[in-house]
Amino acid sequence: MAWMLLATFVGVSMQVIVRRTGGTMHPLEVAFFYNVFTMMVLVPLLWRQGFGVLRARRYDLLFLRAVLH
């Protein structure tokens, strides 16, 4: 439960930052920094645990998410 709350907080924070800087920065610059900070979080996780962390177990839920998104 704590991980879900943390993920929600981080996701909302990133969206707020992107929206606030979107008016003053070029969209490609915003996308670049968004991806750089995302990679700063993902690379250590993937380095430590490997790419198996990204393996999907419930393809039906992934499909439902893609449809709803």
C-alpha atoms as a PDB file:
ATOM      1  CA  MET A   1       0.000   0.000   0.000  1.00  0.00           C
ATOM      2  CA  ALA A   2       2.846   2.379   0.812  1.00  0.00           C
ATOM      3  CA  TRP A   3       4.412   1.744  -2.615  1.00  0.00           C
ATOM      4  CA  MET A   4       1.129   2.633  -4.322  1.00  0.00           C
ATOM      5  CA  LEU A   5       0.881   5.879  -2.371  1.00  0.00           C
ATOM      6  CA  LEU A   6       4.493   6.742  -3.137  1.00  0.00           C
ATOM      7  CA  ALA A   7       4.006   5.968  -6.841  1.00  0.00           C
ATOM      8  CA  THR A   8       0.880   8.138  -6.930  1.00  0.00           C
ATOM      9  CA  PHE A   9       2.672  11.000  -5.212  1.00  0.00           C
ATOM     10  CA  VAL A  10       5.648  10.798  -7.579  1.00  0.00           C
ATOM     11  CA  GLY A  11       3.396  10.577 -10.647  1.00  0.00           C
ATOM     12  CA  VAL A  12       1.296  13.556  -9.604  1.00  0.00           C
ATOM     13  CA  SER A  13       4.403  15.551  -8.699  1.00  0.00           C
ATOM     14  CA  MET A  14       5.936  14.898 -12.109  1.00  0.00           C
ATOM     15  CA  GLN A  15       2.737  15.972 -13.849  1.00  0.00           C
ATOM     16  CA  VAL A  16       2.593  19.201 -11.845  1.00  0.00           C
ATOM     17  CA  ILE A  17       6.221  19.985 -12.651  1.00  0.00           C
ATOM     18  CA  VAL A  18       5.689  19.277 -16.357  1.00  0.00           C
ATOM     19  CA  ARG A  19       2.589  21.486 -16.474  1.00  0.00           C
ATOM     20  CA  ARG A  20       4.264  24.338 -14.600  1.00  0.00           C
ATOM     21  CA  THR A  21       7.390  24.343 -16.780  1.00  0.00           C
ATOM     22  CA  GLY A  22       5.514  23.691 -20.012  1.00  0.00           C
ATOM     23  CA  GLY A  23       4.729  27.372 -20.473  1.00  0.00           C
ATOM     24  CA  THR A  24       8.317  28.552 -20.191  1.00  0.00           C
ATOM     25  CA  MET A  25      10.289  25.699 -21.770  1.00  0.00           C
ATOM     26  CA  HIS A  26      10.239  24.120 -25.207  1.00  0.00           C
ATOM     27  CA  PRO A  27       8.167  20.895 -25.256  1.00  0.00           C
ATOM     28  CA  LEU A  28      11.175  18.815 -26.363  1.00  0.00           C
ATOM     29  CA  GLU A  29      13.167  20.177 -23.445  1.00  0.00           C
ATOM     30  CA  VAL A  30      10.382  19.241 -21.023  1.00  0.00           C
ATOM     31  CA  ALA A  31      10.199  15.728 -22.500  1.00  0.00           C
ATOM     32  CA  PHE A  32      13.983  15.357 -22.285  1.00  0.00           C
ATOM     33  CA  PHE A  33      14.157  16.254 -18.598  1.00  0.00           C
ATOM     34  CA  TYR A  34      11.085  14.143 -17.816  1.00  0.00           C
ATOM     35  CA  ASN A  35      12.801  11.127 -19.367  1.00  0.00           C
ATOM     36  CA  VAL A  36      16.172  11.860 -17.726  1.00  0.00           C
ATOM     37  CA  PHE A  37      14.651  11.929 -14.241  1.00  0.00           C
ATOM     38  CA  THR A  38      12.595   8.825 -14.969  1.00  0.00           C
ATOM     39  CA  MET A  39      15.730   6.978 -16.087  1.00  0.00           C
ATOM     40  CA  MET A  40      17.514   8.088 -12.911  1.00  0.00           C
ATOM     41  CA  VAL A  41      14.908   6.094 -10.995  1.00  0.00           C
ATOM     42  CA  LEU A  42      14.656   3.094 -13.333  1.00  0.00           C
ATOM     43  CA  VAL A  43      18.313   2.392 -14.134  1.00  0.00           C
ATOM     44  CA  PRO A  44      19.377   1.541 -10.545  1.00  0.00           C
ATOM     45  CA  LEU A  45      16.312  -0.691 -10.165  1.00  0.00           C
ATOM     46  CA  LEU A  46      17.042  -2.538 -13.404  1.00  0.00           C
ATOM     47  CA  TRP A  47      20.757  -2.724 -12.587  1.00  0.00           C
ATOM     48  CA  ARG A  48      20.053  -4.375  -9.244  1.00  0.00           C
ATOM     49  CA  GLN A  49      17.129  -6.654 -10.153  1.00  0.00           C
ATOM     50  CA  GLY A  50      17.503  -7.172 -13.898  1.00  0.00           C
ATOM     51  CA  PHE A  51      14.924  -6.880 -16.663  1.00  0.00           C
ATOM     52  CA  GLY A  52      12.799  -9.640 -15.140  1.00  0.00           C
ATOM     53  CA  VAL A  53      11.138  -6.943 -13.036  1.00  0.00           C
ATOM     54  CA  LEU A  54       9.467  -5.636 -16.198  1.00  0.00           C
ATOM     55  CA  ARG A  55       8.034  -9.027 -17.185  1.00  0.00           C
ATOM     56  CA  ALA A  56       4.253  -8.980 -17.393  1.00  0.00           C
ATOM     57  CA  ARG A  57       2.220 -11.614 -15.598  1.00  0.00           C
ATOM     58  CA  ARG A  58      -1.313 -10.439 -16.323  1.00  0.00           C
ATOM     59  CA  TYR A  59      -1.619  -9.621 -20.012  1.00  0.00           C
ATOM     60  CA  ASP A  60      -5.381  -9.263 -19.703  1.00  0.00           C
ATOM     61  CA  LEU A  61      -4.945  -6.359 -17.270  1.00  0.00           C
ATOM     62  CA  LEU A  62      -2.319  -4.764 -19.508  1.00  0.00           C
ATOM     63  CA  PHE A  63      -4.730  -4.968 -22.430  1.00  0.00           C
ATOM     64  CA  LEU A  64      -7.530  -3.455 -20.329  1.00  0.00           C
ATOM     65  CA  ARG A  65      -5.213  -0.634 -19.256  1.00  0.00           C
ATOM     66  CA  ALA A  66      -4.254   0.074 -22.860  1.00  0.00           C
ATOM     67  CA  VAL A  67      -7.899   0.190 -23.927  1.00  0.00           C
ATOM     68  CA  LEU A  68      -8.914   2.491 -21.072  1.00  0.00           C
ATOM     69  CA  HIS A  69      -5.909   4.723 -21.501  1.00  0.00           C
END
